[in-house]
PDB file of N, CA and C in Angstrom:
ATOM      1  N   MET A   1     -22.642   3.589   0.655  1.00  0.00           N
ATOM      2  CA  MET A   1     -22.024   4.399   1.683  1.00  0.00           C
ATOM      3  C   MET A   1     -23.077   5.379   2.203  1.00  0.00           C
ATOM      4  N   PRO A   2     -23.173   5.541   3.515  1.00  0.00           N
ATOM      5  CA  PRO A   2     -24.140   6.489   4.068  1.00  0.00           C
ATOM      6  C   PRO A   2     -23.865   7.910   3.576  1.00  0.00           C
ATOM      7  N   PRO A   3     -24.918   8.699   3.344  1.00  0.00           N
ATOM      8  CA  PRO A   3     -24.741  10.060   2.814  1.00  0.00           C
ATOM      9  C   PRO A   3     -23.815  10.935   3.649  1.00  0.00           C
ATOM     10  N   GLY A   4     -23.910  10.836   4.973  1.00  0.00           N
ATOM     11  CA  GLY A   4     -23.047  11.650   5.835  1.00  0.00           C
ATOM     12  C   GLY A   4     -21.581  11.310   5.663  1.00  0.00           C
ATOM     13  N   LEU A   5     -21.304  10.026   5.503  1.00  0.00           N
ATOM     14  CA  LEU A   5     -19.926   9.587   5.315  1.00  0.00           C
ATOM     15  C   LEU A   5     -19.421   9.982   3.929  1.00  0.00           C
ATOM     16  N   ALA A   6     -20.279   9.853   2.929  1.00  0.00           N
ATOM     17  CA  ALA A   6     -19.902  10.236   1.565  1.00  0.00           C
ATOM     18  C   ALA A   6     -19.619  11.730   1.487  1.00  0.00           C
ATOM     19  N   LYS A   7     -20.427  12.516   2.188  1.00  0.00           N
ATOM     20  CA  LYS A   7     -20.256  13.967   2.179  1.00  0.00           C
ATOM     21  C   LYS A   7     -18.891  14.355   2.741  1.00  0.00           C
ATOM     22  N   LYS A   8     -18.415  13.602   3.733  1.00  0.00           N
ATOM     23  CA  LYS A   8     -17.123  13.887   4.348  1.00  0.00           C
ATOM     24  C   LYS A   8     -15.959  13.291   3.561  1.00  0.00           C
ATOM     25  N   GLY A   9     -16.275  12.513   2.524  1.00  0.00           N
ATOM     26  CA  GLY A   9     -15.221  11.892   1.734  1.00  0.00           C
ATOM     27  C   GLY A   9     -14.576  10.721   2.442  1.00  0.00           C
ATOM     28  N   GLY A  10     -15.282  10.137   3.404  1.00  0.00           N
ATOM     29  CA  GLY A  10     -14.720   9.042   4.191  1.00  0.00           C
ATOM     30  C   GLY A  10     -14.984   7.680   3.603  1.00  0.00           C
ATOM     31  N   LEU A  11     -14.376   6.692   4.222  1.00  0.00           N
ATOM     32  CA  LEU A  11     -14.570   5.307   3.837  1.00  0.00           C
ATOM     33  C   LEU A  11     -15.445   4.625   4.874  1.00  0.00           C
ATOM     34  N   PRO A  12     -16.116   3.553   4.496  1.00  0.00           N
ATOM     35  CA  PRO A  12     -16.906   2.810   5.470  1.00  0.00           C
ATOM     36  C   PRO A  12     -16.020   2.274   6.591  1.00  0.00           C
ATOM     37  N   PRO A  13     -16.593   2.067   7.785  1.00  0.00           N
ATOM     38  CA  PRO A  13     -15.813   1.521   8.899  1.00  0.00           C
ATOM     39  C   PRO A  13     -15.123   0.221   8.487  1.00  0.00           C
ATOM     40  N   GLY A  14     -13.891   0.049   8.935  1.00  0.00           N
ATOM     41  CA  GLY A  14     -13.139  -1.155   8.620  1.00  0.00           C
ATOM     42  C   GLY A  14     -12.332  -1.062   7.340  1.00  0.00           C
ATOM     43  N   GLN A  15     -12.595  -0.079   6.514  1.00  0.00           N
ATOM     44  CA  GLN A  15     -11.864   0.052   5.258  1.00  0.00           C
ATOM     45  C   GLN A  15     -10.691   1.018   5.365  1.00  0.00           C
ATOM     46  N   ALA A  16     -10.778   1.991   6.238  1.00  0.00           N
ATOM     47  CA  ALA A  16      -9.757   3.029   6.313  1.00  0.00           C
ATOM     48  C   ALA A  16      -8.384   2.483   6.700  1.00  0.00           C
ATOM     49  N   LYS A  17      -8.325   1.522   7.592  1.00  0.00           N
ATOM     50  CA  LYS A  17      -7.046   1.018   8.079  1.00  0.00           C
ATOM     51  C   LYS A  17      -6.809  -0.431   7.672  1.00  0.00           C
ATOM     52  N   LYS A  18      -7.409  -0.872   6.583  1.00  0.00           N
ATOM     53  CA  LYS A  18      -7.248  -2.255   6.131  1.00  0.00           C
ATOM     54  C   LYS A  18      -5.788  -2.526   5.834  1.00  0.00           C
ATOM     55  N   ILE A  19      -5.281  -3.597   6.412  1.00  0.00           N
ATOM     56  CA  ILE A  19      -3.912  -4.019   6.151  1.00  0.00           C
ATOM     57  C   ILE A  19      -3.989  -5.226   5.231  1.00  0.00           C
ATOM     58  N   TYR A  20      -3.378  -5.118   4.092  1.00  0.00           N
ATOM     59  CA  TYR A  20      -3.405  -6.198   3.117  1.00  0.00           C
ATOM     60  C   TYR A  20      -2.236  -7.136   3.364  1.00  0.00           C
ATOM     61  N   GLY A  21      -2.450  -8.406   3.116  1.00  0.00           N
ATOM     62  CA  GLY A  21      -1.425  -9.411   3.354  1.00  0.00           C
ATOM     63  C   GLY A  21      -0.874  -9.982   2.062  1.00  0.00           C
ATOM     64  N   VAL A  22       0.153 -10.800   2.210  1.00  0.00           N
ATOM     65  CA  VAL A  22       0.792 -11.452   1.072  1.00  0.00           C
ATOM     66  C   VAL A  22      -0.244 -12.302   0.337  1.00  0.00           C
ATOM     67  N   GLY A  23      -0.277 -12.144  -0.983  1.00  0.00           N
ATOM     68  CA  GLY A  23      -1.204 -12.906  -1.812  1.00  0.00           C
ATOM     69  C   GLY A  23      -2.529 -12.218  -2.056  1.00  0.00           C
ATOM     70  N   GLU A  24      -2.797 -11.128  -1.345  1.00  0.00           N
ATOM     71  CA  GLU A  24      -4.044 -10.391  -1.564  1.00  0.00           C
ATOM     72  C   GLU A  24      -3.857  -9.395  -2.701  1.00  0.00           C
ATOM     73  N   ARG A  25      -4.937  -9.117  -3.387  1.00  0.00           N
ATOM     74  CA  ARG A  25      -4.920  -8.142  -4.479  1.00  0.00           C
ATOM     75  C   ARG A  25      -5.385  -6.794  -3.930  1.00  0.00           C
ATOM     76  N   LEU A  26      -4.598  -5.757  -4.193  1.00  0.00           N
ATOM     77  CA  LEU A  26      -4.984  -4.414  -3.757  1.00  0.00           C
ATOM     78  C   LEU A  26      -6.106  -3.902  -4.653  1.00  0.00           C
ATOM     79  N   PRO A  27      -7.174  -3.385  -4.058  1.00  0.00           N
ATOM     80  CA  PRO A  27      -8.242  -2.825  -4.887  1.00  0.00           C
ATOM     81  C   PRO A  27      -7.763  -1.552  -5.583  1.00  0.00           C
ATOM     82  N   THR A  28      -8.397  -1.213  -6.676  1.00  0.00           N
ATOM     83  CA  THR A  28      -7.997  -0.001  -7.401  1.00  0.00           C
ATOM     84  C   THR A  28      -8.221   1.245  -6.561  1.00  0.00           C
ATOM     85  N   SER A  29      -9.077   1.147  -5.552  1.00  0.00           N
ATOM     86  CA  SER A  29      -9.342   2.299  -4.686  1.00  0.00           C
ATOM     87  C   SER A  29      -8.274   2.473  -3.602  1.00  0.00           C
ATOM     88  N   PHE A  30      -7.373   1.496  -3.448  1.00  0.00           N
ATOM     89  CA  PHE A  30      -6.328   1.577  -2.423  1.00  0.00           C
ATOM     90  C   PHE A  30      -5.317   2.638  -2.834  1.00  0.00           C
ATOM     91  N   ASP A  31      -5.142   3.639  -1.984  1.00  0.00           N
ATOM     92  CA  ASP A  31      -4.275   4.775  -2.282  1.00  0.00           C
ATOM     93  C   ASP A  31      -2.905   4.567  -1.640  1.00  0.00           C
ATOM     94  N   TYR A  32      -1.860   4.574  -2.439  1.00  0.00           N
ATOM     95  CA  TYR A  32      -0.506   4.430  -1.915  1.00  0.00           C
ATOM     96  C   TYR A  32       0.448   5.273  -2.746  1.00  0.00           C
ATOM     97  N   ARG A  33       1.615   5.522  -2.158  1.00  0.00           N
ATOM     98  CA  ARG A  33       2.677   6.250  -2.858  1.00  0.00           C
ATOM     99  C   ARG A  33       3.780   5.266  -3.218  1.00  0.00           C
ATOM    100  N   ILE A  34       4.340   5.426  -4.395  1.00  0.00           N
ATOM    101  CA  ILE A  34       5.454   4.585  -4.825  1.00  0.00           C
ATOM    102  C   ILE A  34       6.713   5.009  -4.066  1.00  0.00           C
ATOM    103  N   VAL A  35       7.440   4.035  -3.516  1.00  0.00           N
ATOM    104  CA  VAL A  35       8.721   4.301  -2.868  1.00  0.00           C
ATOM    105  C   VAL A  35       9.787   4.295  -3.965  1.00  0.00           C
ATOM    106  N   GLU A  36      10.500   5.379  -4.084  1.00  0.00           N
ATOM    107  CA  GLU A  36      11.545   5.492  -5.105  1.00  0.00           C
ATOM    108  C   GLU A  36      12.675   4.506  -4.809  1.00  0.00           C
ATOM    109  N   PRO A  37      13.191   3.818  -5.830  1.00  0.00           N
ATOM    110  CA  PRO A  37      14.290   2.865  -5.618  1.00  0.00           C
ATOM    111  C   PRO A  37      15.509   3.472  -4.922  1.00  0.00           C
ATOM    112  N   SER A  38      15.725   4.760  -5.081  1.00  0.00           N
ATOM    113  CA  SER A  38      16.861   5.408  -4.417  1.00  0.00           C
ATOM    114  C   SER A  38      16.717   5.394  -2.891  1.00  0.00           C
ATOM    115  N   LEU A  39      15.512   5.120  -2.381  1.00  0.00           N
ATOM    116  CA  LEU A  39      15.274   5.083  -0.935  1.00  0.00           C
ATOM    117  C   LEU A  39      15.301   3.668  -0.365  1.00  0.00           C
ATOM    118  N   TYR A  40      15.451   2.647  -1.197  1.00  0.00           N
ATOM    119  CA  TYR A  40      15.408   1.259  -0.722  1.00  0.00           C
ATOM    120  C   TYR A  40      16.443   0.991   0.368  1.00  0.00           C
ATOM    121  N   ASP A  41      17.689   1.421   0.172  1.00  0.00           N
ATOM    122  CA  ASP A  41      18.732   1.182   1.175  1.00  0.00           C
ATOM    123  C   ASP A  41      18.405   1.877   2.489  1.00  0.00           C
ATOM    124  N   ARG A  42      17.908   3.075   2.400  1.00  0.00           N
ATOM    125  CA  ARG A  42      17.588   3.849   3.603  1.00  0.00           C
ATOM    126  C   ARG A  42      16.566   3.132   4.482  1.00  0.00           C
ATOM    127  N   TYR A  43      15.619   2.446   3.853  1.00  0.00           N
ATOM    128  CA  TYR A  43      14.559   1.769   4.602  1.00  0.00           C
ATOM    129  C   TYR A  43      14.720   0.252   4.610  1.00  0.00           C
ATOM    130  N   ASP A  44      15.894  -0.219   4.224  1.00  0.00           N
ATOM    131  CA  ASP A  44      16.218  -1.646   4.256  1.00  0.00           C
ATOM    132  C   ASP A  44      15.244  -2.482   3.421  1.00  0.00           C
ATOM    133  N   LEU A  45      14.905  -1.973   2.251  1.00  0.00           N
ATOM    134  CA  LEU A  45      14.025  -2.689   1.326  1.00  0.00           C
ATOM    135  C   LEU A  45      14.890  -3.325   0.249  1.00  0.00           C
ATOM    136  N   ARG A  46      14.529  -4.522  -0.174  1.00  0.00           N
ATOM    137  CA  ARG A  46      15.331  -5.188  -1.208  1.00  0.00           C
ATOM    138  C   ARG A  46      14.632  -5.080  -2.558  1.00  0.00           C
ATOM    139  N   GLU A  47      15.422  -4.831  -3.572  1.00  0.00           N
ATOM    140  CA  GLU A  47      14.880  -4.670  -4.928  1.00  0.00           C
ATOM    141  C   GLU A  47      14.495  -6.027  -5.507  1.00  0.00           C
ATOM    142  N   ARG A  48      13.350  -6.081  -6.173  1.00  0.00           N
ATOM    143  CA  ARG A  48      12.889  -7.298  -6.841  1.00  0.00           C
ATOM    144  C   ARG A  48      12.431  -6.922  -8.241  1.00  0.00           C
ATOM    145  N   ASP A  49      12.963  -7.611  -9.240  1.00  0.00           N
ATOM    146  CA  ASP A  49      12.608  -7.324 -10.632  1.00  0.00           C
ATOM    147  C   ASP A  49      11.111  -7.477 -10.854  1.00  0.00           C
ATOM    148  N   GLY A  50      10.517  -6.488 -11.504  1.00  0.00           N
ATOM    149  CA  GLY A  50       9.106  -6.549 -11.856  1.00  0.00           C
ATOM    150  C   GLY A  50       8.158  -6.115 -10.759  1.00  0.00           C
ATOM    151  N   TYR A  51       8.692  -5.699  -9.600  1.00  0.00           N
ATOM    152  CA  TYR A  51       7.856  -5.282  -8.481  1.00  0.00           C
ATOM    153  C   TYR A  51       8.188  -3.850  -8.090  1.00  0.00           C
ATOM    154  N   VAL A  52       7.248  -3.200  -7.423  1.00  0.00           N
ATOM    155  CA  VAL A  52       7.468  -1.867  -6.863  1.00  0.00           C
ATOM    156  C   VAL A  52       7.028  -1.893  -5.407  1.00  0.00           C
ATOM    157  N   TYR A  53       7.564  -0.964  -4.630  1.00  0.00           N
ATOM    158  CA  TYR A  53       7.089  -0.793  -3.263  1.00  0.00           C
ATOM    159  C   TYR A  53       6.105   0.362  -3.251  1.00  0.00           C
ATOM    160  N   GLY A  54       4.963   0.121  -2.652  1.00  0.00           N
ATOM    161  CA  GLY A  54       3.974   1.160  -2.440  1.00  0.00           C
ATOM    162  C   GLY A  54       3.852   1.391  -0.951  1.00  0.00           C
ATOM    163  N   TYR A  55       3.767   2.645  -0.519  1.00  0.00           N
ATOM    164  CA  TYR A  55       3.731   2.995   0.896  1.00  0.00           C
ATOM    165  C   TYR A  55       2.366   3.543   1.276  1.00  0.00           C
ATOM    166  N   SER A  56       1.832   3.033   2.395  1.00  0.00           N
ATOM    167  CA  SER A  56       0.568   3.541   2.920  1.00  0.00           C
ATOM    168  C   SER A  56       0.465   3.191   4.398  1.00  0.00           C
ATOM    169  N   ASP A  57       0.111   4.163   5.224  1.00  0.00           N
ATOM    170  CA  ASP A  57      -0.143   3.953   6.659  1.00  0.00           C
ATOM    171  C   ASP A  57       0.967   3.194   7.382  1.00  0.00           C
ATOM    172  N   GLY A  58       2.221   3.584   7.156  1.00  0.00           N
ATOM    173  CA  GLY A  58       3.323   2.992   7.895  1.00  0.00           C
ATOM    174  C   GLY A  58       3.793   1.644   7.397  1.00  0.00           C
ATOM    175  N   ARG A  59       3.303   1.229   6.251  1.00  0.00           N
ATOM    176  CA  ARG A  59       3.706  -0.056   5.685  1.00  0.00           C
ATOM    177  C   ARG A  59       4.135   0.112   4.239  1.00  0.00           C
ATOM    178  N   ALA A  60       5.147  -0.660   3.866  1.00  0.00           N
ATOM    179  CA  ALA A  60       5.554  -0.718   2.465  1.00  0.00           C
ATOM    180  C   ALA A  60       5.090  -2.066   1.932  1.00  0.00           C
ATOM    181  N   TYR A  61       4.340  -2.026   0.866  1.00  0.00           N
ATOM    182  CA  TYR A  61       3.834  -3.233   0.223  1.00  0.00           C
ATOM    183  C   TYR A  61       4.649  -3.482  -1.032  1.00  0.00           C
ATOM    184  N   LEU A  62       5.199  -4.687  -1.168  1.00  0.00           N
ATOM    185  CA  LEU A  62       5.873  -5.070  -2.406  1.00  0.00           C
ATOM    186  C   LEU A  62       4.778  -5.554  -3.343  1.00  0.00           C
ATOM    187  N   ILE A  63       4.596  -4.847  -4.452  1.00  0.00           N
ATOM    188  CA  ILE A  63       3.423  -5.038  -5.309  1.00  0.00           C
ATOM    189  C   ILE A  63       3.842  -5.381  -6.734  1.00  0.00           C
ATOM    190  N   ASP A  64       3.126  -6.329  -7.312  1.00  0.00           N
ATOM    191  CA  ASP A  64       3.242  -6.573  -8.749  1.00  0.00           C
ATOM    192  C   ASP A  64       2.355  -5.511  -9.400  1.00  0.00           C
ATOM    193  N   PRO A  65       2.928  -4.549 -10.123  1.00  0.00           N
ATOM    194  CA  PRO A  65       2.128  -3.440 -10.645  1.00  0.00           C
ATOM    195  C   PRO A  65       1.089  -3.852 -11.689  1.00  0.00           C
ATOM    196  N   GLU A  66       1.276  -4.992 -12.329  1.00  0.00           N
ATOM    197  CA  GLU A  66       0.308  -5.420 -13.343  1.00  0.00           C
ATOM    198  C   GLU A  66      -0.913  -6.092 -12.728  1.00  0.00           C
ATOM    199  N   THR A  67      -0.686  -6.923 -11.698  1.00  0.00           N
ATOM    200  CA  THR A  67      -1.804  -7.663 -11.096  1.00  0.00           C
ATOM    201  C   THR A  67      -2.276  -7.055  -9.783  1.00  0.00           C
ATOM    202  N   ARG A  68      -1.468  -6.162  -9.192  1.00  0.00           N
ATOM    203  CA  ARG A  68      -1.740  -5.539  -7.897  1.00  0.00           C
ATOM    204  C   ARG A  68      -1.715  -6.547  -6.749  1.00  0.00           C
ATOM    205  N   LEU A  69      -1.060  -7.695  -6.960  1.00  0.00           N
ATOM    206  CA  LEU A  69      -0.917  -8.687  -5.895  1.00  0.00           C
ATOM    207  C   LEU A  69       0.212  -8.276  -4.955  1.00  0.00           C
ATOM    208  N   VAL A  70      -0.008  -8.475  -3.654  1.00  0.00           N
ATOM    209  CA  VAL A  70       0.988  -8.152  -2.639  1.00  0.00           C
ATOM    210  C   VAL A  70       1.941  -9.337  -2.491  1.00  0.00           C
ATOM    211  N   ALA A  71       3.240  -9.091  -2.675  1.00  0.00           N
ATOM    212  CA  ALA A  71       4.252 -10.136  -2.542  1.00  0.00           C
ATOM    213  C   ALA A  71       4.928 -10.103  -1.173  1.00  0.00           C
ATOM    214  N   ASP A  72       4.901  -8.941  -0.507  1.00  0.00           N
ATOM    215  CA  ASP A  72       5.521  -8.805   0.808  1.00  0.00           C
ATOM    216  C   ASP A  72       4.966  -7.547   1.469  1.00  0.00           C
ATOM    217  N   VAL A  73       4.972  -7.552   2.808  1.00  0.00           N
ATOM    218  CA  VAL A  73       4.538  -6.389   3.576  1.00  0.00           C
ATOM    219  C   VAL A  73       5.629  -6.089   4.594  1.00  0.00           C
ATOM    220  N   VAL A  74       6.078  -4.835   4.632  1.00  0.00           N
ATOM    221  CA  VAL A  74       7.144  -4.427   5.533  1.00  0.00           C
ATOM    222  C   VAL A  74       6.667  -3.212   6.312  1.00  0.00           C
ATOM    223  N   ARG A  75       6.814  -3.258   7.630  1.00  0.00           N
ATOM    224  CA  ARG A  75       6.446  -2.089   8.435  1.00  0.00           C
ATOM    225  C   ARG A  75       7.632  -1.131   8.433  1.00  0.00           C
ATOM    226  N   VAL A  76       7.413   0.060   7.939  1.00  0.00           N
ATOM    227  CA  VAL A  76       8.471   1.073   7.889  1.00  0.00           C
ATOM    228  C   VAL A  76       7.880   2.422   8.280  1.00  0.00           C
ATOM    229  N   LEU A  77       8.745   3.298   8.709  1.00  0.00           N
ATOM    230  CA  LEU A  77       8.336   4.669   8.996  1.00  0.00           C
ATOM    231  C   LEU A  77       9.042   5.562   7.999  1.00  0.00           C
ATOM    232  N   ILE A  78       8.305   6.005   7.015  1.00  0.00           N
ATOM    233  CA  ILE A  78       8.870   6.873   5.986  1.00  0.00           C
ATOM    234  C   ILE A  78       8.413   8.294   6.271  1.00  0.00           C
ATOM    235  N   ASP A  79       9.388   9.186   6.361  1.00  0.00           N
ATOM    236  CA  ASP A  79       9.029  10.587   6.623  1.00  0.00           C
ATOM    237  C   ASP A  79       9.230  11.438   5.410  1.00  0.00           C
TER     238      ASP A  79
END
């Protein structure tokens, strides 16, 4: 990473808005928030055993927490 970008705490171009697809593994550096199951109905998300929803940049990713594989991607606006 270039020193100027590292100093600002930024990511290399193309990494900041990367959208991951079904079957891709999320890198450990991918930052997301867990969507609480109590909010699933509000955002029309369906519960799946063994998976969690992670939210980042307007998308909810259905993730296998052990392998970090994406099982589904849903565009949602969570406030």
